[in-house]
Amino acid sequence: MRLLVLGGGGFLGFHVAAEARRAGHDVTVASRSGEAPFDGVEALAVDRYGDLSPLEDRTFDAALDTFSDADAVGRAAGLLAGSVGAYGYVSGMSVYHPDGPAVPRAGDPVRREGEALDDDPLQERSLAKLAAEDALGAFDGPVSVLRVGIMVGPRDPSDRFTWWPVRLARALAGRASRTVLAPGDPSRAVQYSDARDIAAFAVHALASGHDGTFDTVGPGRAQPLAAVLDACLEAAGGRPGDVTWAWAGEDALRDALRDVEEEARPLWFPEDQIPQDAIDSSAALAAGLRFRPALETARDVLAWHRERGEPGLAAGFDPTREAELVARCTTGTAPTG
């Protein structure tokens, strides 16, 4: 397959290009910089708001787009109609209506203009994604829409999952306290997806000519928070009992973290932006989506963090703030295991 990735140097786009090459496909990336993310990939300099001429008179078997601007998505989809066999678009689970089913699936109600609360931070970006989905009507072939949730893994710029294996590795190395602040109920089921799994499914869906909307939030989903954090501890080289979890109530944390935006908090500190209980990804699973274990993701994220020189993390707490939160928000601690 000859695959065009519209944007391939960031997070998901990079992994799509990498998964496609791993599967033996030819890959072209189009980005403003015109730089290839790694060897073996063709790169085109393309301005989504301006010059698209490098895409003219080119043919591809499939294209994948992650952009959120409807006009830009529509322009590209219209230009590529007739010269690309299948089109993929990456949207988000936040497009579902907050008053819809607790566990939505494709076809359930989505957000509408003028219906959001004033303090709903997801409304604007969700409407932009929905408008981009509609703009795909400019394309004349099969279209796969992937609605993703929280994506983690190597190259994640948010560091929200990365915080955990890094924090635990620091504790085990004696560089941080072995009393680790943990959010909410340890038995709470949590959802996230390794971006590499989303990328592999996107490549598979395009190569197979799938047509339709797929929820791609994993992994399946009865995995409690404590199990994910224990996997992060194991990835860091620890065993049950090597650290002590200071489980804090969500209400107390919500009050104490008013000055910290959700995007700057580690997963899964209070996340009031997400109104759904879970997402049903059964259709995507039936179509070939697979999720890797939390342990594998945690190990790879930690290795990537070390390879990049262990810079400061974009999410998380400094030791003083974490100690203050432990003292303020917890009623007791419990060993792992």
Protein backbone atom coordinates (compact mmCIF):
# COMPACT_ATOMS: atom_id res chain seq x y z
CA MET A 1 0.00 0.00 0.00
CA ARG A 2 1.14 3.54 -0.79
CA LEU A 3 0.10 5.59 2.25
CA LEU A 4 -0.02 9.36 2.60
CA VAL A 5 0.12 10.63 6.20
CA LEU A 6 -0.97 14.24 6.49
CA GLY A 7 1.31 15.22 9.36
CA GLY A 8 3.78 12.54 10.35
CA GLY A 9 6.29 14.12 12.66
CA GLY A 10 4.32 14.44 15.88
CA PHE A 11 2.76 11.83 18.12
CA LEU A 12 0.13 9.68 16.40
CA GLY A 13 1.24 10.60 12.88
CA PHE A 14 4.76 9.43 13.63
CA HIS A 15 3.50 6.09 14.90
CA VAL A 16 1.21 5.66 11.88
CA ALA A 17 4.19 6.16 9.58
CA ALA A 18 6.30 3.77 11.66
CA GLU A 19 3.61 1.07 11.79
CA ALA A 20 3.02 1.36 8.06
CA ARG A 21 6.70 0.96 7.28
CA ARG A 22 6.89 -1.97 9.71
CA ALA A 23 4.07 -3.61 7.75
CA GLY A 24 5.97 -3.15 4.50
CA HIS A 25 4.01 -0.23 3.07
CA ASP A 26 5.42 2.78 1.22
CA VAL A 27 4.91 5.97 3.23
CA THR A 28 4.80 9.64 2.29
CA VAL A 29 4.33 12.28 4.99
CA ALA A 30 3.07 15.78 4.27
CA SER A 31 3.81 18.50 6.80
CA ARG A 32 4.66 22.18 7.03
CA SER A 33 8.33 21.39 7.68
CA GLY A 34 8.65 18.90 4.84
CA GLU A 35 10.97 16.80 6.99
CA ALA A 36 10.87 13.01 7.12
CA PRO A 37 10.38 11.60 10.64
CA PHE A 38 12.88 8.81 9.93
CA ASP A 39 14.73 7.18 7.05
CA GLY A 40 12.78 5.34 4.37
CA VAL A 41 9.90 7.82 4.29
CA GLU A 42 9.21 10.38 1.57
CA ALA A 43 8.43 13.89 2.85
CA LEU A 44 6.49 16.71 1.21
CA ALA A 45 6.30 20.33 2.40
CA VAL A 46 2.58 21.16 2.55
CA ASP A 47 0.78 24.12 4.11
CA ARG A 48 -2.70 22.98 5.15
CA TYR A 49 -3.92 26.59 5.03
CA GLY A 50 -2.09 27.45 1.83
CA ASP A 51 -0.14 25.60 -0.82
CA LEU A 52 -1.31 22.02 -1.41
CA SER A 53 0.34 21.77 -4.83
CA PRO A 54 2.86 19.07 -3.74
CA LEU A 55 -0.16 16.73 -3.44
CA GLU A 56 -1.43 17.44 -6.94
CA ASP A 57 -0.95 14.77 -9.59
CA ARG A 58 0.02 12.23 -6.93
CA THR A 59 -1.76 8.93 -6.39
CA PHE A 60 -1.92 6.91 -3.18
CA ASP A 61 -3.80 3.85 -2.06
CA ALA A 62 -4.80 5.56 1.18
CA ALA A 63 -4.42 8.75 3.20
CA LEU A 64 -4.71 9.50 6.91
CA ASP A 65 -5.52 12.93 8.34
CA THR A 66 -5.47 14.10 11.98
CA PHE A 67 -6.18 17.82 11.45
CA SER A 68 -9.01 19.55 13.34
CA ASP A 69 -9.78 22.43 10.98
CA ALA A 70 -12.82 21.55 8.85
CA ASP A 71 -11.87 23.82 5.95
CA ALA A 72 -8.38 22.35 5.76
CA VAL A 73 -9.69 18.78 6.02
CA GLY A 74 -12.29 19.46 3.33
CA ARG A 75 -9.71 21.01 0.99
CA ALA A 76 -7.40 18.02 1.30
CA ALA A 77 -10.20 15.47 0.98
CA GLY A 78 -11.53 17.21 -2.12
CA LEU A 79 -8.08 17.50 -3.70
CA LEU A 80 -7.32 13.83 -3.06
CA ALA A 81 -10.68 12.56 -4.30
CA GLY A 82 -10.04 10.41 -7.33
CA SER A 83 -6.33 10.00 -6.61
CA VAL A 84 -6.54 8.20 -3.25
CA GLY A 85 -8.31 4.90 -2.71
CA ALA A 86 -9.36 5.25 0.94
CA TYR A 87 -9.33 8.04 3.50
CA GLY A 88 -8.84 7.83 7.25
CA TYR A 89 -9.57 10.56 9.76
CA VAL A 90 -8.70 10.70 13.46
CA SER A 91 -11.48 12.28 15.53
CA GLY A 92 -12.17 12.00 19.27
CA MET A 93 -14.54 10.39 21.76
CA SER A 94 -15.37 13.83 23.17
CA VAL A 95 -17.69 14.40 20.22
CA TYR A 96 -20.39 12.35 21.97
CA HIS A 97 -23.11 14.34 23.66
CA PRO A 98 -22.55 14.71 27.43
CA ASP A 99 -26.21 13.84 28.03
CA GLY A 100 -26.06 10.72 25.87
CA PRO A 101 -25.53 7.11 26.95
CA ALA A 102 -23.03 6.47 29.75
CA VAL A 103 -21.23 4.06 27.39
CA PRO A 104 -21.64 5.52 23.88
CA ARG A 105 -20.93 3.89 20.57
CA ALA A 106 -20.90 5.07 16.95
CA GLY A 107 -24.35 6.33 15.99
CA ASP A 108 -25.21 7.73 19.42
CA PRO A 109 -25.97 11.46 19.82
CA VAL A 110 -23.11 13.90 19.37
CA ARG A 111 -22.57 17.44 20.58
CA ARG A 112 -24.49 20.32 19.00
CA GLU A 113 -23.81 24.01 18.67
CA GLY A 114 -25.16 26.14 21.50
CA GLU A 115 -25.83 23.31 23.96
CA ALA A 116 -22.68 23.32 26.08
CA LEU A 117 -22.26 24.77 29.53
CA ASP A 118 -20.14 27.91 29.65
CA ASP A 119 -17.34 26.07 31.44
CA ASP A 120 -17.24 23.01 29.15
CA PRO A 121 -13.69 23.01 27.73
CA LEU A 122 -14.41 20.18 25.29
CA GLN A 123 -17.25 21.78 23.36
CA GLU A 124 -15.25 23.94 20.97
CA ARG A 125 -12.67 21.31 20.04
CA SER A 126 -15.35 18.63 19.74
CA LEU A 127 -17.46 20.73 17.38
CA ALA A 128 -14.32 21.31 15.31
CA LYS A 129 -13.76 17.56 15.04
CA LEU A 130 -17.41 16.99 14.09
CA ALA A 131 -17.19 19.67 11.42
CA ALA A 132 -14.06 17.99 10.08
CA GLU A 133 -15.87 14.64 10.01
CA ASP A 134 -18.62 16.28 7.95
CA ALA A 135 -16.03 17.82 5.61
CA LEU A 136 -14.91 14.32 4.63
CA GLY A 137 -17.97 14.29 2.36
CA ALA A 138 -15.67 15.94 -0.20
CA PHE A 139 -13.96 12.56 -0.62
CA ASP A 140 -15.43 10.05 -3.06
CA GLY A 141 -14.25 6.74 -1.60
CA PRO A 142 -14.39 4.71 1.61
CA VAL A 143 -13.74 6.73 4.77
CA SER A 144 -12.72 5.36 8.17
CA VAL A 145 -13.26 7.70 11.11
CA LEU A 146 -11.36 6.71 14.25
CA ARG A 147 -12.66 8.32 17.42
CA VAL A 148 -9.82 8.11 19.92
CA GLY A 149 -9.64 8.81 23.64
CA ILE A 150 -6.62 9.39 25.86
CA MET A 151 -3.55 8.25 23.93
CA VAL A 152 -0.31 7.37 25.67
CA GLY A 153 3.01 5.82 24.74
CA PRO A 154 6.46 6.84 23.53
CA ARG A 155 6.57 10.42 22.15
CA ASP A 156 3.47 11.46 24.12
CA PRO A 157 4.00 15.22 24.56
CA SER A 158 1.59 15.42 27.52
CA ASP A 159 3.63 13.08 29.79
CA ARG A 160 0.40 12.31 31.69
CA PHE A 161 0.99 8.55 31.62
CA THR A 162 4.77 8.89 31.45
CA TRP A 163 4.65 10.45 34.91
CA TRP A 164 3.91 7.11 36.56
CA PRO A 165 6.81 4.87 35.47
CA VAL A 166 9.20 7.82 35.73
CA ARG A 167 7.97 8.79 39.21
CA LEU A 168 8.24 5.19 40.39
CA ALA A 169 11.70 4.72 38.88
CA ARG A 170 12.86 7.81 40.74
CA ALA A 171 11.47 6.41 43.98
CA LEU A 172 13.18 3.06 43.50
CA ALA A 173 16.48 4.84 42.73
CA GLY A 174 16.24 6.88 45.94
CA ARG A 175 15.64 10.14 44.08
CA ALA A 176 12.08 10.62 45.31
CA SER A 177 9.87 9.56 48.19
CA ARG A 178 8.58 6.00 48.21
CA THR A 179 5.22 7.32 49.38
CA VAL A 180 3.45 7.98 46.08
CA LEU A 181 0.27 10.02 45.73
CA ALA A 182 -2.45 8.07 43.90
CA PRO A 183 -5.85 9.39 42.76
CA GLY A 184 -9.27 8.20 43.84
CA ASP A 185 -10.49 4.63 44.09
CA PRO A 186 -7.89 1.94 43.28
CA SER A 187 -10.67 -0.30 41.91
CA ARG A 188 -11.90 2.32 39.43
CA ALA A 189 -11.75 1.12 35.83
CA VAL A 190 -9.76 3.43 33.57
CA GLN A 191 -9.46 3.79 29.81
CA TYR A 192 -6.56 4.81 27.59
CA SER A 193 -4.91 3.59 24.39
CA ASP A 194 -1.30 3.15 23.36
CA ALA A 195 -0.93 5.35 20.27
CA ARG A 196 0.95 2.55 18.53
CA ASP A 197 -2.14 0.34 18.77
CA ILE A 198 -4.30 3.09 17.27
CA ALA A 199 -1.70 3.55 14.53
CA ALA A 200 -1.63 -0.16 13.72
CA PHE A 201 -5.42 -0.26 13.49
CA ALA A 202 -5.49 2.84 11.29
CA VAL A 203 -3.05 1.21 8.87
CA HIS A 204 -5.04 -2.03 8.93
CA ALA A 205 -8.36 -0.24 8.37
CA LEU A 206 -7.00 1.69 5.40
CA ALA A 207 -5.34 -1.36 3.85
CA SER A 208 -8.61 -3.30 4.26
CA GLY A 209 -10.78 -0.51 2.82
CA HIS A 210 -12.97 -0.22 5.92
CA ASP A 211 -15.77 2.34 5.70
CA GLY A 212 -17.44 3.71 8.83
CA THR A 213 -16.89 5.17 12.28
CA PHE A 214 -14.93 3.26 14.91
CA ASP A 215 -14.48 4.01 18.60
CA THR A 216 -10.89 3.10 19.44
CA VAL A 217 -10.60 3.45 23.20
CA GLY A 218 -9.08 0.57 25.07
CA PRO A 219 -8.23 -1.75 26.29
CA GLY A 220 -11.53 -3.56 26.61
CA ARG A 221 -12.09 -2.38 29.78
CA ALA A 222 -12.34 -3.77 33.24
CA GLN A 223 -8.77 -2.81 34.15
CA PRO A 224 -8.66 -1.14 37.57
CA LEU A 225 -6.44 1.85 38.22
CA ALA A 226 -4.43 -0.07 40.82
CA ALA A 227 -3.51 -2.72 38.21
CA VAL A 228 -2.25 -0.07 35.79
CA LEU A 229 -0.15 1.60 38.47
CA ASP A 230 1.24 -1.76 39.59
CA ALA A 231 2.24 -2.40 35.95
CA CYS A 232 4.07 0.94 35.97
CA LEU A 233 5.85 -0.11 39.17
CA GLU A 234 6.92 -3.40 37.58
CA ALA A 235 8.11 -1.54 34.47
CA ALA A 236 10.28 0.62 36.73
CA GLY A 237 11.85 -2.50 38.23
CA GLY A 238 9.79 -2.64 41.39
CA ARG A 239 7.72 -5.27 43.15
CA PRO A 240 4.61 -5.09 45.32
CA GLY A 241 5.52 -3.44 48.59
CA ASP A 242 8.43 -1.44 47.19
CA VAL A 243 6.41 1.77 47.39
CA THR A 244 3.46 2.89 49.46
CA TRP A 245 0.44 4.29 47.66
CA ALA A 246 -1.18 7.29 49.31
CA TRP A 247 -4.70 7.03 47.92
CA ALA A 248 -6.42 10.43 47.95
CA GLY A 249 -10.11 11.08 47.60
CA GLU A 250 -11.17 12.70 44.33
CA ASP A 251 -13.18 15.46 46.03
CA ALA A 252 -10.21 16.48 48.14
CA LEU A 253 -7.91 16.36 45.12
CA ARG A 254 -10.35 18.35 42.99
CA ASP A 255 -10.34 21.12 45.57
CA ALA A 256 -6.58 21.04 46.06
CA LEU A 257 -5.78 21.05 42.33
CA ARG A 258 -7.91 24.00 41.25
CA ASP A 259 -4.75 25.74 40.10
CA VAL A 260 -3.61 22.80 37.93
CA GLU A 261 -5.32 22.22 34.57
CA GLU A 262 -6.38 18.65 33.83
CA GLU A 263 -3.86 18.42 30.97
CA ALA A 264 -1.06 19.10 33.45
CA ARG A 265 -2.20 16.42 35.91
CA PRO A 266 -1.01 12.83 35.69
CA LEU A 267 -3.61 10.28 34.66
CA TRP A 268 -6.05 9.68 36.38
CA PHE A 269 -6.37 12.65 38.69
CA PRO A 270 -9.88 14.18 38.65
CA GLU A 271 -11.02 14.34 35.02
CA ASP A 272 -14.29 16.19 34.97
CA GLN A 273 -13.97 16.91 31.26
CA ILE A 274 -14.96 13.33 30.43
CA PRO A 275 -18.68 12.78 31.03
CA GLN A 276 -18.91 9.14 29.88
CA ASP A 277 -18.37 6.13 32.13
CA ALA A 278 -16.58 4.24 29.36
CA ILE A 279 -16.45 3.85 25.58
CA ASP A 280 -17.62 0.76 23.69
CA SER A 281 -14.92 -0.17 21.16
CA SER A 282 -16.34 -3.58 20.25
CA ALA A 283 -16.84 -2.70 16.58
CA ALA A 284 -13.19 -1.73 16.20
CA LEU A 285 -12.09 -4.84 18.10
CA ALA A 286 -14.13 -6.96 15.70
CA ALA A 287 -12.47 -5.15 12.79
CA GLY A 288 -8.94 -5.90 14.03
CA LEU A 289 -8.06 -3.40 16.76
CA ARG A 290 -5.76 -4.87 19.40
CA PHE A 291 -4.41 -3.42 22.65
CA ARG A 292 -1.06 -4.24 24.23
CA PRO A 293 -0.70 -4.78 28.01
CA ALA A 294 -0.11 -1.83 30.32
CA LEU A 295 3.25 -3.32 31.31
CA GLU A 296 4.56 -3.13 27.75
CA THR A 297 3.42 0.47 27.35
CA ALA A 298 4.97 1.48 30.68
CA ARG A 299 8.30 -0.18 29.89
CA ASP A 300 8.51 1.43 26.46
CA VAL A 301 7.52 4.87 27.78
CA LEU A 302 10.20 4.70 30.46
CA ALA A 303 12.83 3.63 27.92
CA TRP A 304 11.81 6.48 25.59
CA HIS A 305 12.00 8.99 28.45
CA ARG A 306 15.52 7.86 29.23
CA GLU A 307 16.53 8.00 25.58
CA ARG A 308 15.41 11.64 25.35
CA GLY A 309 17.70 12.54 28.23
CA GLU A 310 15.17 12.48 31.10
CA PRO A 311 13.93 16.07 30.76
CA GLY A 312 11.40 17.59 33.11
CA LEU A 313 7.89 16.23 32.64
CA ALA A 314 5.04 18.29 31.21
CA ALA A 315 2.65 16.78 33.77
CA GLY A 316 3.00 15.94 37.43
CA PHE A 317 4.05 17.46 40.74
CA ASP A 318 7.32 18.55 42.24
CA PRO A 319 8.27 16.69 45.46
CA THR A 320 7.15 19.50 47.75
CA ARG A 321 3.72 19.81 46.13
CA GLU A 322 3.21 16.05 46.13
CA ALA A 323 4.06 15.85 49.83
CA GLU A 324 1.60 18.67 50.55
CA LEU A 325 -1.13 16.84 48.62
CA VAL A 326 -0.44 13.61 50.49
CA ALA A 327 -0.78 15.43 53.81
CA ARG A 328 -3.88 17.36 52.76
CA CYS A 329 -5.88 14.82 50.72
CA THR A 330 -5.21 11.35 52.14
CA THR A 331 -6.57 9.58 55.16
CA GLY A 332 -4.06 6.75 55.09
CA THR A 333 -1.64 4.83 52.92
CA ALA A 334 -1.44 1.28 51.66
CA PRO A 335 1.41 -0.83 50.28
CA THR A 336 1.18 -2.07 46.70
CA GLY A 337 0.16 -5.60 45.88
